[in-house]
Amino acid sequence: PSMPAKVAETDTFTAWAVKWPVLD
């Protein structure tokens, strides 16, 4: 609620905070 996934946006790209599973 206090920190959206969209970190920044410019005229050329959008930056998102992400995570992904790797190992158990």
mmCIF file of all heavy atoms, coordinates in Angstrom:
data_MODEL
# 
_entry.id   MODEL 
# 
loop_
_atom_site.group_PDB 
_atom_site.id 
_atom_site.type_symbol 
_atom_site.label_atom_id 
_atom_site.label_alt_id 
_atom_site.label_comp_id 
_atom_site.label_asym_id 
_atom_site.label_entity_id 
_atom_site.label_seq_id 
_atom_site.pdbx_PDB_ins_code 
_atom_site.Cartn_x 
_atom_site.Cartn_y 
_atom_site.Cartn_z 
_atom_site.occupancy 
_atom_site.B_iso_or_equiv 
_atom_site.pdbx_formal_charge 
_atom_site.auth_seq_id 
_atom_site.auth_comp_id 
_atom_site.auth_asym_id 
_atom_site.auth_atom_id 
_atom_site.pdbx_PDB_model_num 
ATOM 1   N N   . PRO A 1 1  ? 0.806  -1.228  0.000   1.00 0.00 ? 1  PRO A N   1 
ATOM 2   C CA  . PRO A 1 1  ? 0.000  0.000   0.000   1.00 0.00 ? 1  PRO A CA  1 
ATOM 3   C C   . PRO A 1 1  ? 0.834  1.271   0.000   1.00 0.00 ? 1  PRO A C   1 
ATOM 4   O O   . PRO A 1 1  ? 0.418  2.299   -0.548  1.00 0.00 ? 1  PRO A O   1 
ATOM 5   C CB  . PRO A 1 1  ? -0.821 -0.137  1.290   1.00 0.00 ? 1  PRO A CB  1 
ATOM 6   C CG  . PRO A 1 1  ? -0.935 -1.604  1.515   1.00 0.00 ? 1  PRO A CG  1 
ATOM 7   C CD  . PRO A 1 1  ? 0.365  -2.171  1.048   1.00 0.00 ? 1  PRO A CD  1 
ATOM 8   N N   . SER A 1 2  ? 2.034  1.196   0.595   1.00 0.00 ? 2  SER A N   1 
ATOM 9   C CA  . SER A 1 2  ? 2.872  2.395   0.669   1.00 0.00 ? 2  SER A CA  1 
ATOM 10  C C   . SER A 1 2  ? 3.913  2.457   -0.430  1.00 0.00 ? 2  SER A C   1 
ATOM 11  O O   . SER A 1 2  ? 4.583  3.477   -0.599  1.00 0.00 ? 2  SER A O   1 
ATOM 12  C CB  . SER A 1 2  ? 3.561  2.467   2.030   1.00 0.00 ? 2  SER A CB  1 
ATOM 13  O OG  . SER A 1 2  ? 4.393  1.332   2.218   1.00 0.00 ? 2  SER A OG  1 
ATOM 14  N N   . MET A 1 3  ? 4.092  1.364   -1.194  1.00 0.00 ? 3  MET A N   1 
ATOM 15  C CA  . MET A 1 3  ? 5.134  1.324   -2.220  1.00 0.00 ? 3  MET A CA  1 
ATOM 16  C C   . MET A 1 3  ? 4.608  0.591   -3.445  1.00 0.00 ? 3  MET A C   1 
ATOM 17  O O   . MET A 1 3  ? 4.558  -0.643  -3.463  1.00 0.00 ? 3  MET A O   1 
ATOM 18  C CB  . MET A 1 3  ? 6.392  0.635   -1.683  1.00 0.00 ? 3  MET A CB  1 
ATOM 19  C CG  . MET A 1 3  ? 7.565  0.659   -2.645  1.00 0.00 ? 3  MET A CG  1 
ATOM 20  S SD  . MET A 1 3  ? 9.052  -0.077  -1.914  1.00 0.00 ? 3  MET A SD  1 
ATOM 21  C CE  . MET A 1 3  ? 9.374  1.050   -0.580  1.00 0.00 ? 3  MET A CE  1 
ATOM 22  N N   . PRO A 1 4  ? 4.185  1.318   -4.478  1.00 0.00 ? 4  PRO A N   1 
ATOM 23  C CA  . PRO A 1 4  ? 3.669  0.657   -5.676  1.00 0.00 ? 4  PRO A CA  1 
ATOM 24  C C   . PRO A 1 4  ? 4.763  -0.080  -6.437  1.00 0.00 ? 4  PRO A C   1 
ATOM 25  O O   . PRO A 1 4  ? 5.953  0.208   -6.287  1.00 0.00 ? 4  PRO A O   1 
ATOM 26  C CB  . PRO A 1 4  ? 3.121  1.826   -6.496  1.00 0.00 ? 4  PRO A CB  1 
ATOM 27  C CG  . PRO A 1 4  ? 3.893  3.017   -6.039  1.00 0.00 ? 4  PRO A CG  1 
ATOM 28  C CD  . PRO A 1 4  ? 4.188  2.778   -4.586  1.00 0.00 ? 4  PRO A CD  1 
ATOM 29  N N   . ALA A 1 5  ? 4.363  -1.034  -7.272  1.00 0.00 ? 5  ALA A N   1 
ATOM 30  C CA  . ALA A 1 5  ? 5.327  -1.803  -8.054  1.00 0.00 ? 5  ALA A CA  1 
ATOM 31  C C   . ALA A 1 5  ? 6.008  -0.937  -9.107  1.00 0.00 ? 5  ALA A C   1 
ATOM 32  O O   . ALA A 1 5  ? 7.162  -1.197  -9.460  1.00 0.00 ? 5  ALA A O   1 
ATOM 33  C CB  . ALA A 1 5  ? 4.639  -2.990  -8.712  1.00 0.00 ? 5  ALA A CB  1 
ATOM 34  N N   . LYS A 1 6  ? 5.298  0.078   -9.603  1.00 0.00 ? 6  LYS A N   1 
ATOM 35  C CA  . LYS A 1 6  ? 5.918  0.959   -10.595 1.00 0.00 ? 6  LYS A CA  1 
ATOM 36  C C   . LYS A 1 6  ? 6.904  1.882   -9.888  1.00 0.00 ? 6  LYS A C   1 
ATOM 37  O O   . LYS A 1 6  ? 6.539  2.753   -9.107  1.00 0.00 ? 6  LYS A O   1 
ATOM 38  C CB  . LYS A 1 6  ? 4.873  1.781   -11.331 1.00 0.00 ? 6  LYS A CB  1 
ATOM 39  C CG  . LYS A 1 6  ? 5.469  2.657   -12.431 1.00 0.00 ? 6  LYS A CG  1 
ATOM 40  C CD  . LYS A 1 6  ? 4.460  3.618   -13.030 1.00 0.00 ? 6  LYS A CD  1 
ATOM 41  C CE  . LYS A 1 6  ? 3.430  2.884   -13.865 1.00 0.00 ? 6  LYS A CE  1 
ATOM 42  N NZ  . LYS A 1 6  ? 2.544  3.845   -14.592 1.00 0.00 ? 6  LYS A NZ  1 
ATOM 43  N N   . VAL A 1 7  ? 8.190  1.694   -10.206 1.00 0.00 ? 7  VAL A N   1 
ATOM 44  C CA  . VAL A 1 7  ? 9.236  2.462   -9.551  1.00 0.00 ? 7  VAL A CA  1 
ATOM 45  C C   . VAL A 1 7  ? 9.441  3.804   -10.230 1.00 0.00 ? 7  VAL A C   1 
ATOM 46  O O   . VAL A 1 7  ? 9.670  4.831   -9.578  1.00 0.00 ? 7  VAL A O   1 
ATOM 47  C CB  . VAL A 1 7  ? 10.556 1.660   -9.550  1.00 0.00 ? 7  VAL A CB  1 
ATOM 48  C CG1 . VAL A 1 7  ? 11.713 2.483   -8.999  1.00 0.00 ? 7  VAL A CG1 1 
ATOM 49  C CG2 . VAL A 1 7  ? 10.385 0.380   -8.750  1.00 0.00 ? 7  VAL A CG2 1 
ATOM 50  N N   . ALA A 1 8  ? 9.370  3.820   -11.552 1.00 0.00 ? 8  ALA A N   1 
ATOM 51  C CA  . ALA A 1 8  ? 9.588  5.057   -12.301 1.00 0.00 ? 8  ALA A CA  1 
ATOM 52  C C   . ALA A 1 8  ? 9.019  4.884   -13.700 1.00 0.00 ? 8  ALA A C   1 
ATOM 53  O O   . ALA A 1 8  ? 8.830  3.765   -14.185 1.00 0.00 ? 8  ALA A O   1 
ATOM 54  C CB  . ALA A 1 8  ? 11.077 5.395   -12.368 1.00 0.00 ? 8  ALA A CB  1 
ATOM 55  N N   . GLU A 1 9  ? 8.756  6.027   -14.355 1.00 0.00 ? 9  GLU A N   1 
ATOM 56  C CA  . GLU A 1 9  ? 8.304  6.016   -15.745 1.00 0.00 ? 9  GLU A CA  1 
ATOM 57  C C   . GLU A 1 9  ? 8.865  7.232   -16.456 1.00 0.00 ? 9  GLU A C   1 
ATOM 58  O O   . GLU A 1 9  ? 8.839  8.345   -15.928 1.00 0.00 ? 9  GLU A O   1 
ATOM 59  C CB  . GLU A 1 9  ? 6.783  6.008   -15.820 1.00 0.00 ? 9  GLU A CB  1 
ATOM 60  C CG  . GLU A 1 9  ? 6.249  5.885   -17.247 1.00 0.00 ? 9  GLU A CG  1 
ATOM 61  C CD  . GLU A 1 9  ? 4.751  5.676   -17.303 1.00 0.00 ? 9  GLU A CD  1 
ATOM 62  O OE1 . GLU A 1 9  ? 4.084  5.800   -16.257 1.00 0.00 ? 9  GLU A OE1 1 
ATOM 63  O OE2 . GLU A 1 9  ? 4.238  5.398   -18.409 1.00 0.00 ? 9  GLU A OE2 1 
ATOM 64  N N   . THR A 1 10 ? 9.419  7.001   -17.634 1.00 0.00 ? 10 THR A N   1 
ATOM 65  C CA  . THR A 1 10 ? 9.940  8.073   -18.460 1.00 0.00 ? 10 THR A CA  1 
ATOM 66  C C   . THR A 1 10 ? 9.224  8.045   -19.803 1.00 0.00 ? 10 THR A C   1 
ATOM 67  O O   . THR A 1 10 ? 8.301  7.262   -20.016 1.00 0.00 ? 10 THR A O   1 
ATOM 68  C CB  . THR A 1 10 ? 11.461 7.912   -18.677 1.00 0.00 ? 10 THR A CB  1 
ATOM 69  O OG1 . THR A 1 10 ? 11.691 6.806   -19.576 1.00 0.00 ? 10 THR A OG1 1 
ATOM 70  C CG2 . THR A 1 10 ? 12.193 7.658   -17.375 1.00 0.00 ? 10 THR A CG2 1 
ATOM 71  N N   . ASP A 1 11 ? 9.649  8.892   -20.720 1.00 0.00 ? 11 ASP A N   1 
ATOM 72  C CA  . ASP A 1 11 ? 9.055  8.892   -22.049 1.00 0.00 ? 11 ASP A CA  1 
ATOM 73  C C   . ASP A 1 11 ? 9.408  7.634   -22.837 1.00 0.00 ? 11 ASP A C   1 
ATOM 74  O O   . ASP A 1 11 ? 8.746  7.318   -23.832 1.00 0.00 ? 11 ASP A O   1 
ATOM 75  C CB  . ASP A 1 11 ? 9.535  10.121  -22.841 1.00 0.00 ? 11 ASP A CB  1 
ATOM 76  C CG  . ASP A 1 11 ? 9.035  11.424  -22.234 1.00 0.00 ? 11 ASP A CG  1 
ATOM 77  O OD1 . ASP A 1 11 ? 8.015  11.382  -21.508 1.00 0.00 ? 11 ASP A OD1 1 
ATOM 78  O OD2 . ASP A 1 11 ? 9.662  12.473  -22.474 1.00 0.00 ? 11 ASP A OD2 1 
ATOM 79  N N   . THR A 1 12 ? 10.447 6.906   -22.383 1.00 0.00 ? 12 THR A N   1 
ATOM 80  C CA  . THR A 1 12 ? 10.936 5.776   -23.183 1.00 0.00 ? 12 THR A CA  1 
ATOM 81  C C   . THR A 1 12 ? 10.757 4.405   -22.526 1.00 0.00 ? 12 THR A C   1 
ATOM 82  O O   . THR A 1 12 ? 10.792 3.387   -23.209 1.00 0.00 ? 12 THR A O   1 
ATOM 83  C CB  . THR A 1 12 ? 12.430 5.970   -23.505 1.00 0.00 ? 12 THR A CB  1 
ATOM 84  O OG1 . THR A 1 12 ? 13.145 6.182   -22.270 1.00 0.00 ? 12 THR A OG1 1 
ATOM 85  C CG2 . THR A 1 12 ? 12.639 7.173   -24.417 1.00 0.00 ? 12 THR A CG2 1 
ATOM 86  N N   . PHE A 1 13 ? 10.591 4.356   -21.204 1.00 0.00 ? 13 PHE A N   1 
ATOM 87  C CA  . PHE A 1 13 ? 10.438 3.052   -20.545 1.00 0.00 ? 13 PHE A CA  1 
ATOM 88  C C   . PHE A 1 13 ? 9.754  3.213   -19.193 1.00 0.00 ? 13 PHE A C   1 
ATOM 89  O O   . PHE A 1 13 ? 9.675  4.316   -18.638 1.00 0.00 ? 13 PHE A O   1 
ATOM 90  C CB  . PHE A 1 13 ? 11.790 2.359   -20.365 1.00 0.00 ? 13 PHE A CB  1 
ATOM 91  C CG  . PHE A 1 13 ? 12.695 3.003   -19.346 1.00 0.00 ? 13 PHE A CG  1 
ATOM 92  C CD1 . PHE A 1 13 ? 12.665 2.610   -18.007 1.00 0.00 ? 13 PHE A CD1 1 
ATOM 93  C CD2 . PHE A 1 13 ? 13.582 4.008   -19.721 1.00 0.00 ? 13 PHE A CD2 1 
ATOM 94  C CE1 . PHE A 1 13 ? 13.495 3.198   -17.068 1.00 0.00 ? 13 PHE A CE1 1 
ATOM 95  C CE2 . PHE A 1 13 ? 14.415 4.598   -18.786 1.00 0.00 ? 13 PHE A CE2 1 
ATOM 96  C CZ  . PHE A 1 13 ? 14.372 4.200   -17.455 1.00 0.00 ? 13 PHE A CZ  1 
ATOM 97  N N   . THR A 1 14 ? 9.292  2.078   -18.672 1.00 0.00 ? 14 THR A N   1 
ATOM 98  C CA  . THR A 1 14 ? 8.710  2.004   -17.330 1.00 0.00 ? 14 THR A CA  1 
ATOM 99  C C   . THR A 1 14 ? 9.503  1.004   -16.519 1.00 0.00 ? 14 THR A C   1 
ATOM 100 O O   . THR A 1 14 ? 9.863  -0.082  -17.014 1.00 0.00 ? 14 THR A O   1 
ATOM 101 C CB  . THR A 1 14 ? 7.241  1.570   -17.384 1.00 0.00 ? 14 THR A CB  1 
ATOM 102 O OG1 . THR A 1 14 ? 6.517  2.447   -18.250 1.00 0.00 ? 14 THR A OG1 1 
ATOM 103 C CG2 . THR A 1 14 ? 6.614  1.597   -15.995 1.00 0.00 ? 14 THR A CG2 1 
ATOM 104 N N   . ALA A 1 15 ? 9.796  1.337   -15.274 1.00 0.00 ? 15 ALA A N   1 
ATOM 105 C CA  . ALA A 1 15 ? 10.559 0.464   -14.383 1.00 0.00 ? 15 ALA A CA  1 
ATOM 106 C C   . ALA A 1 15 ? 9.643  -0.112  -13.318 1.00 0.00 ? 15 ALA A C   1 
ATOM 107 O O   . ALA A 1 15 ? 8.914  0.631   -12.639 1.00 0.00 ? 15 ALA A O   1 
ATOM 108 C CB  . ALA A 1 15 ? 11.710 1.232   -13.727 1.00 0.00 ? 15 ALA A CB  1 
ATOM 109 N N   . TRP A 1 16 ? 9.680  -1.433  -13.179 1.00 0.00 ? 16 TRP A N   1 
ATOM 110 C CA  . TRP A 1 16 ? 8.836  -2.142  -12.212 1.00 0.00 ? 16 TRP A CA  1 
ATOM 111 C C   . TRP A 1 16 ? 9.715  -2.919  -11.231 1.00 0.00 ? 16 TRP A C   1 
ATOM 112 O O   . TRP A 1 16 ? 10.713 -3.520  -11.622 1.00 0.00 ? 16 TRP A O   1 
ATOM 113 C CB  . TRP A 1 16 ? 7.916  -3.135  -12.921 1.00 0.00 ? 16 TRP A CB  1 
ATOM 114 C CG  . TRP A 1 16 ? 7.023  -2.532  -13.962 1.00 0.00 ? 16 TRP A CG  1 
ATOM 115 C CD1 . TRP A 1 16 ? 7.300  -2.347  -15.288 1.00 0.00 ? 16 TRP A CD1 1 
ATOM 116 C CD2 . TRP A 1 16 ? 5.696  -2.030  -13.763 1.00 0.00 ? 16 TRP A CD2 1 
ATOM 117 N NE1 . TRP A 1 16 ? 6.233  -1.774  -15.927 1.00 0.00 ? 16 TRP A NE1 1 
ATOM 118 C CE2 . TRP A 1 16 ? 5.224  -1.560  -15.020 1.00 0.00 ? 16 TRP A CE2 1 
ATOM 119 C CE3 . TRP A 1 16 ? 4.842  -1.945  -12.651 1.00 0.00 ? 16 TRP A CE3 1 
ATOM 120 C CZ2 . TRP A 1 16 ? 3.965  -1.016  -15.179 1.00 0.00 ? 16 TRP A CZ2 1 
ATOM 121 C CZ3 . TRP A 1 16 ? 3.590  -1.403  -12.813 1.00 0.00 ? 16 TRP A CZ3 1 
ATOM 122 C CH2 . TRP A 1 16 ? 3.148  -0.935  -14.059 1.00 0.00 ? 16 TRP A CH2 1 
ATOM 123 N N   . ALA A 1 17 ? 9.307  -2.937  -9.955  1.00 0.00 ? 17 ALA A N   1 
ATOM 124 C CA  . ALA A 1 17 ? 9.945  -3.795  -8.964  1.00 0.00 ? 17 ALA A CA  1 
ATOM 125 C C   . ALA A 1 17 ? 9.376  -5.203  -9.108  1.00 0.00 ? 17 ALA A C   1 
ATOM 126 O O   . ALA A 1 17 ? 8.147  -5.380  -9.089  1.00 0.00 ? 17 ALA A O   1 
ATOM 127 C CB  . ALA A 1 17 ? 9.705  -3.270  -7.556  1.00 0.00 ? 17 ALA A CB  1 
ATOM 128 N N   . VAL A 1 18 ? 10.249 -6.201  -9.267  1.00 0.00 ? 18 VAL A N   1 
ATOM 129 C CA  . VAL A 1 18 ? 9.790  -7.564  -9.526  1.00 0.00 ? 18 VAL A CA  1 
ATOM 130 C C   . VAL A 1 18 ? 10.592 -8.564  -8.702  1.00 0.00 ? 18 VAL A C   1 
ATOM 131 O O   . VAL A 1 18 ? 11.662 -8.260  -8.172  1.00 0.00 ? 18 VAL A O   1 
ATOM 132 C CB  . VAL A 1 18 ? 9.922  -7.932  -11.020 1.00 0.00 ? 18 VAL A CB  1 
ATOM 133 C CG1 . VAL A 1 18 ? 8.983  -7.095  -11.872 1.00 0.00 ? 18 VAL A CG1 1 
ATOM 134 C CG2 . VAL A 1 18 ? 11.369 -7.788  -11.500 1.00 0.00 ? 18 VAL A CG2 1 
ATOM 135 N N   . LYS A 1 19 ? 10.054 -9.778  -8.616  1.00 0.00 ? 19 LYS A N   1 
ATOM 136 C CA  . LYS A 1 19 ? 10.782 -10.915 -8.044  1.00 0.00 ? 19 LYS A CA  1 
ATOM 137 C C   . LYS A 1 19 ? 10.394 -12.159 -8.825  1.00 0.00 ? 19 LYS A C   1 
ATOM 138 O O   . LYS A 1 19 ? 9.390  -12.164 -9.545  1.00 0.00 ? 19 LYS A O   1 
ATOM 139 C CB  . LYS A 1 19 ? 10.476 -11.098 -6.557  1.00 0.00 ? 19 LYS A CB  1 
ATOM 140 C CG  . LYS A 1 19 ? 9.032  -11.460 -6.261  1.00 0.00 ? 19 LYS A CG  1 
ATOM 141 C CD  . LYS A 1 19 ? 8.820  -11.657 -4.757  1.00 0.00 ? 19 LYS A CD  1 
ATOM 142 C CE  . LYS A 1 19 ? 7.377  -12.078 -4.470  1.00 0.00 ? 19 LYS A CE  1 
ATOM 143 N NZ  . LYS A 1 19 ? 7.152  -12.308 -3.008  1.00 0.00 ? 19 LYS A NZ  1 
ATOM 144 N N   . TRP A 1 20 ? 11.211 -13.200 -8.716  1.00 0.00 ? 20 TRP A N   1 
ATOM 145 C CA  . TRP A 1 20 ? 10.931 -14.440 -9.436  1.00 0.00 ? 20 TRP A CA  1 
ATOM 146 C C   . TRP A 1 20 ? 11.520 -15.613 -8.672  1.00 0.00 ? 20 TRP A C   1 
ATOM 147 O O   . TRP A 1 20 ? 12.567 -15.490 -8.029  1.00 0.00 ? 20 TRP A O   1 
ATOM 148 C CB  . TRP A 1 20 ? 11.467 -14.382 -10.868 1.00 0.00 ? 20 TRP A CB  1 
ATOM 149 C CG  . TRP A 1 20 ? 12.941 -14.191 -11.012 1.00 0.00 ? 20 TRP A CG  1 
ATOM 150 C CD1 . TRP A 1 20 ? 13.902 -15.141 -11.210 1.00 0.00 ? 20 TRP A CD1 1 
ATOM 151 C CD2 . TRP A 1 20 ? 13.654 -12.933 -10.973 1.00 0.00 ? 20 TRP A CD2 1 
ATOM 152 N NE1 . TRP A 1 20 ? 15.147 -14.574 -11.308 1.00 0.00 ? 20 TRP A NE1 1 
ATOM 153 C CE2 . TRP A 1 20 ? 15.032 -13.226 -11.162 1.00 0.00 ? 20 TRP A CE2 1 
ATOM 154 C CE3 . TRP A 1 20 ? 13.257 -11.597 -10.794 1.00 0.00 ? 20 TRP A CE3 1 
ATOM 155 C CZ2 . TRP A 1 20 ? 15.992 -12.226 -11.170 1.00 0.00 ? 20 TRP A CZ2 1 
ATOM 156 C CZ3 . TRP A 1 20 ? 14.227 -10.612 -10.795 1.00 0.00 ? 20 TRP A CZ3 1 
ATOM 157 C CH2 . TRP A 1 20 ? 15.580 -10.923 -10.991 1.00 0.00 ? 20 TRP A CH2 1 
ATOM 158 N N   . PRO A 1 21 ? 10.865 -16.793 -8.708  1.00 0.00 ? 21 PRO A N   1 
ATOM 159 C CA  . PRO A 1 21 ? 11.386 -17.959 -7.998  1.00 0.00 ? 21 PRO A CA  1 
ATOM 160 C C   . PRO A 1 21 ? 12.594 -18.541 -8.724  1.00 0.00 ? 21 PRO A C   1 
ATOM 161 O O   . PRO A 1 21 ? 12.662 -18.525 -9.949  1.00 0.00 ? 21 PRO A O   1 
ATOM 162 C CB  . PRO A 1 21 ? 10.205 -18.940 -8.014  1.00 0.00 ? 21 PRO A CB  1 
ATOM 163 C CG  . PRO A 1 21 ? 9.435  -18.560 -9.239  1.00 0.00 ? 21 PRO A CG  1 
ATOM 164 C CD  . PRO A 1 21 ? 9.588  -17.067 -9.389  1.00 0.00 ? 21 PRO A CD  1 
ATOM 165 N N   . VAL A 1 22 ? 13.539 -19.045 -7.954  1.00 0.00 ? 22 VAL A N   1 
ATOM 166 C CA  . VAL A 1 22 ? 14.771 -19.605 -8.518  1.00 0.00 ? 22 VAL A CA  1 
ATOM 167 C C   . VAL A 1 22 ? 14.935 -21.066 -8.079  1.00 0.00 ? 22 VAL A C   1 
ATOM 168 O O   . VAL A 1 22 ? 14.833 -21.988 -8.876  1.00 0.00 ? 22 VAL A O   1 
ATOM 169 C CB  . VAL A 1 22 ? 15.996 -18.778 -8.098  1.00 0.00 ? 22 VAL A CB  1 
ATOM 170 C CG1 . VAL A 1 22 ? 17.280 -19.372 -8.675  1.00 0.00 ? 22 VAL A CG1 1 
ATOM 171 C CG2 . VAL A 1 22 ? 15.836 -17.326 -8.550  1.00 0.00 ? 22 VAL A CG2 1 
ATOM 172 N N   . LEU A 1 23 ? 15.209 -21.265 -6.799  1.00 0.00 ? 23 LEU A N   1 
ATOM 173 C CA  . LEU A 1 23 ? 15.317 -22.591 -6.198  1.00 0.00 ? 23 LEU A CA  1 
ATOM 174 C C   . LEU A 1 23 ? 14.332 -22.657 -5.031  1.00 0.00 ? 23 LEU A C   1 
ATOM 175 O O   . LEU A 1 23 ? 13.746 -21.637 -4.644  1.00 0.00 ? 23 LEU A O   1 
ATOM 176 C CB  . LEU A 1 23 ? 16.744 -22.851 -5.691  1.00 0.00 ? 23 LEU A CB  1 
ATOM 177 C CG  . LEU A 1 23 ? 17.886 -22.688 -6.684  1.00 0.00 ? 23 LEU A CG  1 
ATOM 178 C CD1 . LEU A 1 23 ? 19.231 -22.794 -5.966  1.00 0.00 ? 23 LEU A CD1 1 
ATOM 179 C CD2 . LEU A 1 23 ? 17.800 -23.720 -7.793  1.00 0.00 ? 23 LEU A CD2 1 
ATOM 180 N N   . ASP A 1 24 ? 14.179 -23.827 -4.478  1.00 0.00 ? 24 ASP A N   1 
ATOM 181 C CA  . ASP A 1 24 ? 13.317 -23.961 -3.317  1.00 0.00 ? 24 ASP A CA  1 
ATOM 182 C C   . ASP A 1 24 ? 13.843 -23.086 -2.180  1.00 0.00 ? 24 ASP A C   1 
ATOM 183 O O   . ASP A 1 24 ? 14.936 -23.311 -1.668  1.00 0.00 ? 24 ASP A O   1 
ATOM 184 C CB  . ASP A 1 24 ? 13.280 -25.427 -2.876  1.00 0.00 ? 24 ASP A CB  1 
ATOM 185 C CG  . ASP A 1 24 ? 12.308 -25.663 -1.722  1.00 0.00 ? 24 ASP A CG  1 
ATOM 186 O OD1 . ASP A 1 24 ? 11.403 -24.831 -1.534  1.00 0.00 ? 24 ASP A OD1 1 
ATOM 187 O OD2 . ASP A 1 24 ? 12.463 -26.674 -1.015  1.00 0.00 ? 24 ASP A OD2 1 
# 
